[in-house]
Amino acid sequence: MKKVVIGLLAILSVTVGSNGQSVKDIGDRLTTFLNTLSNEQRQEISYSFIDTSRTKWTNLPVGIASRPGIRYGELSEVSKLQFHRILTTLLSSQGYLKITGIMQLDDILNVIYESAYRNKEIDEDVINEIRDLKWDYTNYYVSVWGKPEHSEPWGFKLEGHHISLNCSAIDGHFSVTPFFLGTDPSEVHTTKYAGIRVLSKEEDYGFRLINSLSEQQQAIATLSKDVPGDIITNPKSEQRITTYEGIKASDLNPRQQEFLKYIIEEYIDNLEHEKAHEYLDKFYATSLDSVYFAWIGSYVSRKPHYYVINTPDFLIEYDNMGFQRNGNHIHSIWREKGNDFGEDILKEHYLEHKH
């Protein structure tokens, strides 16, 4: 039995470290997807890797902010099948279901507001404003940067309302950051969809941790009662979180540290297991003195609240405010410091390969 366990651990260690295989898998899936497109669609979806649009992102509805690439709704069924294969190669089943759940939530939003309009709960001006936002499962955009079958850098982006997924790859390594996910509503309260919570654990684990703290610990962790209207590192802001604030992980008891780990793993485990293990190994190697958790706002649900987890390598931000200030509209982001859009791996590539 001991030999079996040792052998299994050896296999796992090799598998987890094989980043190149993961990049090849993603690139192969992307190439297969591109081969299902017409020539016109391939031109529409394809950009140079050095195009400056690659490093721009937004979470706004497409009715407010246009996107590069091809609209998901314009893809054939064959292309859609291959597109979803890309997602299930890049993401875990958890991450994949969050992405598709957020896309479906746009259709649910339309059902909610159209129902409210029919019931005369909102007037025609409001429903027309809502319709102009173009919330729709099909209104997400796919773009490809560079050529995945080549040895040069390449990237892939899926973006639309409350989703910005950015993959950058080179030399057997890849980055999946910034990775933004949001939900509106975070909990559906009406229609036949009542009860759906796509980003449930991001919220639940945050409350579990903050409410497990003693009053003294909460005083250290809580920065303010005034919740920001969005994540600090939103795409319209030049602000970056450069200072470490809140409570150190080393000042938490073992149970509280477990709760903190639950939050971090909830974000990292959106990725396929090889990449998730790579990130988790880096986190577990970090001194607890260097990991900070900070909170703003209410300690109870359905009221505005915010948290940030700041480590030397990663940043997690979560904001549940919404324009109605009802704590039912989540914005969240996962960032690998210094490696947004593959910045770090690109530096290494250009140092090793003079262009």
Protein backbone atom coordinates (compact mmCIF):
# COMPACT_ATOMS: atom_id res chain seq x y z
CA MET A 1 0.00 0.00 0.00
CA LYS A 2 2.85 2.37 0.90
CA LYS A 3 4.47 1.79 -2.51
CA VAL A 4 1.16 2.55 -4.23
CA VAL A 5 0.80 5.85 -2.36
CA ILE A 6 4.39 6.86 -3.12
CA GLY A 7 3.90 5.98 -6.76
CA LEU A 8 0.68 7.99 -6.92
CA LEU A 9 2.38 11.00 -5.38
CA ALA A 10 5.17 10.74 -7.93
CA ILE A 11 2.66 10.67 -10.78
CA LEU A 12 0.81 13.64 -9.34
CA SER A 13 3.99 15.66 -8.94
CA VAL A 14 4.91 15.08 -12.58
CA THR A 15 1.40 15.86 -13.81
CA VAL A 16 1.02 19.05 -11.81
CA GLY A 17 4.34 20.37 -13.05
CA SER A 18 3.66 19.72 -16.73
CA ASN A 19 2.59 23.24 -17.64
CA GLY A 20 3.64 22.78 -21.25
CA GLN A 21 1.12 20.01 -21.78
CA SER A 22 -1.65 22.27 -20.48
CA VAL A 23 -0.63 25.06 -22.86
CA LYS A 24 -0.58 22.60 -25.76
CA ASP A 25 -4.03 21.33 -24.84
CA ILE A 26 -5.47 24.84 -24.72
CA GLY A 27 -3.72 25.84 -27.94
CA ASP A 28 -4.94 22.70 -29.71
CA ARG A 29 -8.52 23.35 -28.59
CA LEU A 30 -8.28 26.94 -29.74
CA THR A 31 -6.91 25.90 -33.13
CA THR A 32 -9.70 23.36 -33.58
CA PHE A 33 -12.23 26.07 -32.74
CA LEU A 34 -10.67 28.50 -35.24
CA ASN A 35 -10.85 25.84 -37.94
CA THR A 36 -14.65 25.74 -37.59
CA LEU A 37 -14.95 29.43 -38.50
CA SER A 38 -15.44 30.94 -41.94
CA ASN A 39 -12.62 33.05 -43.39
CA GLU A 40 -14.60 36.19 -42.60
CA GLN A 41 -15.13 35.09 -38.99
CA ARG A 42 -11.44 34.25 -38.58
CA GLN A 43 -10.54 37.76 -39.67
CA GLU A 44 -13.09 39.19 -37.26
CA ILE A 45 -11.82 37.21 -34.27
CA SER A 46 -8.05 37.45 -34.90
CA TYR A 47 -5.73 40.21 -33.67
CA SER A 48 -2.01 40.74 -33.41
CA PHE A 49 -0.68 39.77 -30.00
CA ILE A 50 0.88 43.22 -29.64
CA ASP A 51 -2.42 45.02 -30.33
CA THR A 52 -2.96 47.31 -27.33
CA SER A 53 -6.61 46.23 -27.07
CA ARG A 54 -5.42 42.90 -25.67
CA THR A 55 -4.53 44.45 -22.32
CA LYS A 56 -7.76 46.41 -21.96
CA TRP A 57 -10.76 44.91 -20.20
CA THR A 58 -14.17 45.84 -18.89
CA ASN A 59 -17.07 44.16 -17.13
CA LEU A 60 -19.75 46.50 -18.46
CA PRO A 61 -22.66 45.32 -20.64
CA VAL A 62 -21.98 45.44 -24.38
CA GLY A 63 -24.67 48.10 -24.74
CA ILE A 64 -22.31 50.44 -22.87
CA ALA A 65 -18.87 49.11 -23.86
CA SER A 66 -18.09 47.46 -27.20
CA ARG A 67 -15.74 44.46 -27.33
CA PRO A 68 -13.15 43.14 -29.80
CA GLY A 69 -13.73 39.82 -31.53
CA ILE A 70 -16.76 37.88 -32.63
CA ARG A 71 -20.07 37.76 -30.80
CA TYR A 72 -20.84 34.35 -29.29
CA GLY A 73 -24.33 34.48 -30.81
CA GLU A 74 -22.83 34.65 -34.32
CA LEU A 75 -21.08 31.30 -33.94
CA SER A 76 -22.48 28.17 -35.56
CA GLU A 77 -23.48 25.27 -33.34
CA VAL A 78 -20.32 23.44 -34.42
CA SER A 79 -18.20 26.44 -33.42
CA LYS A 80 -20.03 26.78 -30.11
CA LEU A 81 -19.30 23.14 -29.28
CA GLN A 82 -15.59 23.71 -29.85
CA PHE A 83 -15.65 27.02 -27.98
CA HIS A 84 -17.00 25.27 -24.89
CA ARG A 85 -14.20 22.71 -25.25
CA ILE A 86 -11.74 25.59 -24.83
CA LEU A 87 -13.45 26.65 -21.61
CA THR A 88 -13.55 23.12 -20.18
CA THR A 89 -9.84 22.72 -20.97
CA LEU A 90 -8.84 26.01 -19.37
CA LEU A 91 -11.23 25.87 -16.40
CA SER A 92 -12.35 23.34 -13.81
CA SER A 93 -15.99 22.25 -13.92
CA GLN A 94 -16.57 24.75 -11.10
CA GLY A 95 -15.09 27.64 -13.09
CA TYR A 96 -16.83 26.56 -16.28
CA LEU A 97 -20.25 26.46 -14.59
CA LYS A 98 -19.66 29.90 -13.08
CA ILE A 99 -18.85 31.36 -16.51
CA THR A 100 -21.86 29.79 -18.22
CA GLY A 101 -24.07 30.58 -15.21
CA ILE A 102 -23.16 34.27 -15.44
CA MET A 103 -23.94 34.25 -19.16
CA GLN A 104 -27.33 32.69 -18.42
CA LEU A 105 -27.90 35.23 -15.66
CA ASP A 106 -28.10 37.94 -18.32
CA ASP A 107 -31.15 36.20 -19.78
CA ILE A 108 -32.60 35.88 -16.27
CA LEU A 109 -32.12 39.63 -15.75
CA ASN A 110 -34.18 40.26 -18.87
CA VAL A 111 -36.93 37.96 -17.59
CA ILE A 112 -36.95 39.79 -14.24
CA TYR A 113 -37.22 43.26 -15.75
CA GLU A 114 -39.66 42.33 -18.52
CA SER A 115 -41.87 40.74 -15.86
CA ALA A 116 -41.62 43.88 -13.73
CA TYR A 117 -42.60 45.97 -16.77
CA ARG A 118 -45.62 43.80 -17.54
CA ASN A 119 -46.69 44.08 -13.90
CA LYS A 120 -46.29 47.88 -14.12
CA GLU A 121 -43.59 47.90 -11.46
CA ILE A 122 -41.32 49.90 -13.78
CA ASP A 123 -42.25 52.32 -16.56
CA GLU A 124 -41.42 52.36 -20.26
CA ASP A 125 -38.43 54.67 -19.87
CA VAL A 126 -36.79 52.25 -17.45
CA ILE A 127 -37.43 49.14 -19.56
CA ASN A 128 -36.04 50.90 -22.63
CA GLU A 129 -32.88 51.78 -20.70
CA ILE A 130 -32.61 48.14 -19.63
CA ARG A 131 -33.06 46.88 -23.18
CA ASP A 132 -30.36 49.25 -24.43
CA LEU A 133 -27.84 47.52 -22.15
CA LYS A 134 -28.15 44.43 -24.39
CA TRP A 135 -28.01 41.85 -21.62
CA ASP A 136 -28.09 38.49 -23.39
CA TYR A 137 -26.49 35.05 -23.19
CA THR A 138 -25.33 35.53 -26.78
CA ASN A 139 -23.77 38.98 -26.22
CA TYR A 140 -20.33 37.82 -25.12
CA TYR A 141 -17.28 38.26 -27.31
CA VAL A 142 -14.45 35.89 -28.16
CA SER A 143 -11.10 37.17 -29.43
CA VAL A 144 -7.78 35.51 -30.27
CA TRP A 145 -4.44 37.31 -30.11
CA GLY A 146 -1.59 35.82 -32.11
CA LYS A 147 -1.62 32.27 -33.45
CA PRO A 148 -1.87 29.39 -30.97
CA GLU A 149 -0.17 26.94 -33.31
CA HIS A 150 2.98 29.10 -33.39
CA SER A 151 5.88 29.31 -30.93
CA GLU A 152 5.29 33.04 -30.48
CA PRO A 153 3.05 34.45 -27.72
CA TRP A 154 -0.69 34.07 -28.13
CA GLY A 155 -3.78 34.87 -26.12
CA PHE A 156 -7.49 34.27 -25.80
CA LYS A 157 -10.18 36.51 -24.32
CA LEU A 158 -13.84 35.94 -23.40
CA GLU A 159 -15.58 39.10 -22.33
CA GLY A 160 -19.01 40.57 -21.79
CA HIS A 161 -21.27 41.64 -18.95
CA HIS A 162 -19.65 40.51 -15.68
CA ILE A 163 -17.02 38.32 -17.35
CA SER A 164 -13.44 39.08 -18.33
CA LEU A 165 -11.36 35.93 -18.84
CA ASN A 166 -7.86 36.58 -20.20
CA CYS A 167 -5.47 33.79 -21.14
CA SER A 168 -1.92 34.56 -22.30
CA ALA A 169 0.52 31.80 -23.28
CA ILE A 170 4.16 31.40 -24.32
CA ASP A 171 6.97 28.85 -23.97
CA GLY A 172 4.84 26.25 -22.20
CA HIS A 173 3.55 28.70 -19.57
CA PHE A 174 0.28 30.56 -19.37
CA SER A 175 -1.42 33.24 -17.31
CA VAL A 176 -5.15 33.54 -16.58
CA THR A 177 -5.31 37.01 -15.10
CA PRO A 178 -7.02 39.37 -14.72
CA PHE A 179 -9.99 37.05 -14.18
CA PHE A 180 -13.16 39.00 -13.38
CA LEU A 181 -16.50 37.43 -12.48
CA GLY A 182 -19.64 39.23 -11.33
CA THR A 183 -23.31 38.55 -10.76
CA ASP A 184 -26.40 40.73 -10.81
CA PRO A 185 -28.38 39.73 -8.90
CA SER A 186 -26.06 37.73 -6.69
CA GLU A 187 -29.20 35.99 -5.47
CA VAL A 188 -32.29 35.86 -7.70
CA HIS A 189 -35.38 36.73 -5.64
CA THR A 190 -38.21 36.57 -8.20
CA THR A 191 -39.52 34.60 -11.19
CA LYS A 192 -39.09 30.86 -11.63
CA TYR A 193 -35.32 31.35 -11.20
CA ALA A 194 -35.65 32.53 -7.57
CA GLY A 195 -32.87 31.18 -5.38
CA ILE A 196 -30.07 30.96 -7.96
CA ARG A 197 -26.68 32.11 -6.59
CA VAL A 198 -23.87 31.67 -9.11
CA LEU A 199 -21.10 33.09 -6.88
CA SER A 200 -22.44 31.73 -3.61
CA LYS A 201 -19.24 30.57 -1.92
CA GLU A 202 -17.29 33.76 -2.62
CA GLU A 203 -19.90 35.46 -0.42
CA ASP A 204 -20.55 32.70 2.13
CA TYR A 205 -16.90 31.99 2.92
CA GLY A 206 -16.23 35.71 3.36
CA PHE A 207 -18.99 36.00 5.95
CA ARG A 208 -17.87 32.79 7.62
CA LEU A 209 -14.39 34.22 8.15
CA ILE A 210 -15.32 37.74 9.27
CA ASN A 211 -17.93 36.41 11.71
CA SER A 212 -15.48 33.89 13.17
CA LEU A 213 -13.18 36.70 14.30
CA SER A 214 -13.21 38.07 17.81
CA GLU A 215 -14.19 41.72 18.32
CA GLN A 216 -10.52 42.60 18.62
CA GLN A 217 -9.68 40.75 15.40
CA GLN A 218 -12.63 42.34 13.58
CA ALA A 219 -11.41 45.78 14.63
CA ILE A 220 -8.06 45.03 12.98
CA ALA A 221 -9.56 43.45 9.85
CA THR A 222 -12.29 46.05 9.25
CA LEU A 223 -11.04 49.14 7.45
CA SER A 224 -14.30 51.07 7.20
CA LYS A 225 -18.08 50.83 7.10
CA ASP A 226 -18.23 52.76 3.79
CA VAL A 227 -18.22 50.13 1.05
CA PRO A 228 -16.64 51.22 -2.26
CA GLY A 229 -18.99 51.30 -5.23
CA ASP A 230 -16.78 48.81 -7.08
CA ILE A 231 -13.59 46.83 -6.65
CA ILE A 232 -10.62 49.18 -6.21
CA THR A 233 -8.77 47.73 -9.21
CA ASN A 234 -11.70 48.14 -11.59
CA PRO A 235 -10.89 48.77 -15.28
CA LYS A 236 -11.76 52.48 -15.10
CA SER A 237 -9.43 53.09 -12.16
CA GLU A 238 -5.68 53.66 -12.17
CA GLN A 239 -5.57 52.68 -8.50
CA ARG A 240 -3.62 49.66 -7.39
CA ILE A 241 -3.63 48.10 -3.95
CA THR A 242 0.00 48.52 -2.96
CA THR A 243 -0.30 48.57 0.84
CA TYR A 244 -1.08 45.61 3.06
CA GLU A 245 -4.02 46.34 5.35
CA GLY A 246 -6.26 44.32 7.62
CA ILE A 247 -5.38 41.30 9.70
CA LYS A 248 -2.43 39.01 9.04
CA ALA A 249 -3.17 35.35 8.43
CA SER A 250 -0.61 34.59 11.13
CA ASP A 251 -2.86 36.40 13.64
CA LEU A 252 -5.75 34.03 12.89
CA ASN A 253 -6.30 30.82 14.80
CA PRO A 254 -6.08 27.50 12.89
CA ARG A 255 -9.84 27.34 12.25
CA GLN A 256 -9.92 30.91 10.95
CA GLN A 257 -6.93 30.16 8.74
CA GLU A 258 -8.95 27.29 7.28
CA PHE A 259 -11.78 29.69 6.47
CA LEU A 260 -9.30 32.02 4.75
CA LYS A 261 -7.96 29.09 2.76
CA TYR A 262 -11.53 28.22 1.68
CA ILE A 263 -11.93 31.68 0.13
CA ILE A 264 -8.61 31.55 -1.69
CA GLU A 265 -9.22 28.04 -2.99
CA GLU A 266 -12.68 29.06 -4.21
CA TYR A 267 -11.05 31.54 -6.59
CA ILE A 268 -8.04 29.46 -7.61
CA ASP A 269 -10.04 26.27 -8.12
CA ASN A 270 -11.96 27.94 -10.94
CA LEU A 271 -8.94 26.98 -13.05
CA GLU A 272 -8.13 23.52 -14.38
CA HIS A 273 -6.34 21.44 -11.79
CA GLU A 274 -2.76 21.71 -13.09
CA LYS A 275 -2.84 25.50 -13.08
CA ALA A 276 -4.75 25.61 -9.80
CA HIS A 277 -2.12 23.39 -8.16
CA GLU A 278 0.64 25.64 -9.48
CA TYR A 279 -0.99 28.70 -7.91
CA LEU A 280 -1.89 26.89 -4.68
CA ASP A 281 1.65 25.58 -4.25
CA LYS A 282 2.88 29.16 -4.53
CA PHE A 283 0.33 30.32 -1.97
CA TYR A 284 1.10 27.52 0.50
CA ALA A 285 4.79 28.43 0.31
CA THR A 286 3.99 32.01 1.35
CA SER A 287 4.60 33.06 4.94
CA LEU A 288 1.35 33.68 6.81
CA ASP A 289 2.88 36.98 7.96
CA SER A 290 2.64 38.12 4.32
CA VAL A 291 -1.05 37.28 3.77
CA TYR A 292 -3.60 39.93 4.74
CA PHE A 293 -7.40 39.86 4.93
CA ALA A 294 -9.37 43.12 5.10
CA TRP A 295 -13.10 43.80 5.28
CA ILE A 296 -15.34 46.81 4.70
CA GLY A 297 -19.05 47.12 5.47
CA SER A 298 -21.70 44.90 6.97
CA TYR A 299 -21.10 41.55 8.67
CA VAL A 300 -24.51 40.27 7.51
CA SER A 301 -25.79 39.41 4.04
CA ARG A 302 -28.06 41.57 1.88
CA LYS A 303 -26.16 44.66 2.96
CA PRO A 304 -23.14 46.17 1.16
CA HIS A 305 -19.84 44.51 2.03
CA TYR A 306 -16.35 44.14 0.59
CA TYR A 307 -13.19 42.15 1.23
CA VAL A 308 -9.67 41.94 -0.14
CA ILE A 309 -7.03 39.24 0.28
CA ASN A 310 -3.55 40.53 -0.43
CA THR A 311 -0.45 38.34 -0.71
CA PRO A 312 2.99 38.94 -2.27
CA ASP A 313 1.91 37.01 -5.39
CA PHE A 314 -1.88 37.29 -5.66
CA LEU A 315 -4.74 39.68 -5.09
CA ILE A 316 -8.40 38.81 -4.57
CA GLU A 317 -11.01 41.55 -4.46
CA TYR A 318 -14.73 41.12 -3.82
CA ASP A 319 -17.34 43.88 -3.71
CA ASN A 320 -21.06 43.37 -3.10
CA MET A 321 -22.66 46.77 -3.41
CA GLY A 322 -24.62 47.32 -6.60
CA PHE A 323 -26.19 50.53 -7.81
CA GLN A 324 -29.18 49.83 -5.53
CA ARG A 325 -26.84 49.50 -2.53
CA ASN A 326 -28.66 46.35 -1.48
CA GLY A 327 -25.76 43.91 -1.23
CA ASN A 328 -27.05 41.86 -4.14
CA HIS A 329 -24.60 42.62 -6.95
CA ILE A 330 -21.14 41.01 -6.83
CA HIS A 331 -17.94 42.10 -8.54
CA SER A 332 -14.91 39.89 -7.94
CA ILE A 333 -11.44 39.62 -9.41
CA TRP A 334 -8.44 37.30 -9.19
CA ARG A 335 -5.07 38.79 -10.14
CA GLU A 336 -1.57 37.39 -10.24
CA LYS A 337 0.68 40.30 -9.37
CA GLY A 338 3.05 41.32 -12.13
CA ASN A 339 1.54 38.80 -14.52
CA ASP A 340 -1.67 40.42 -15.75
CA PHE A 341 -2.01 39.50 -19.43
CA GLY A 342 1.10 37.33 -19.07
CA GLU A 343 3.44 40.23 -18.27
CA ASP A 344 5.96 38.12 -16.31
CA ILE A 345 6.09 35.18 -18.69
CA LEU A 346 6.43 37.58 -21.62
CA LYS A 347 9.41 39.30 -19.98
CA GLU A 348 11.10 35.93 -19.58
CA HIS A 349 10.37 35.05 -23.20
CA TYR A 350 11.76 38.30 -24.58
CA LEU A 351 14.89 38.02 -22.43
CA GLU A 352 15.56 34.53 -23.79
CA HIS A 353 14.51 35.28 -27.39
CA LYS A 354 15.76 38.55 -28.82
CA HIS A 355 13.22 39.99 -31.29
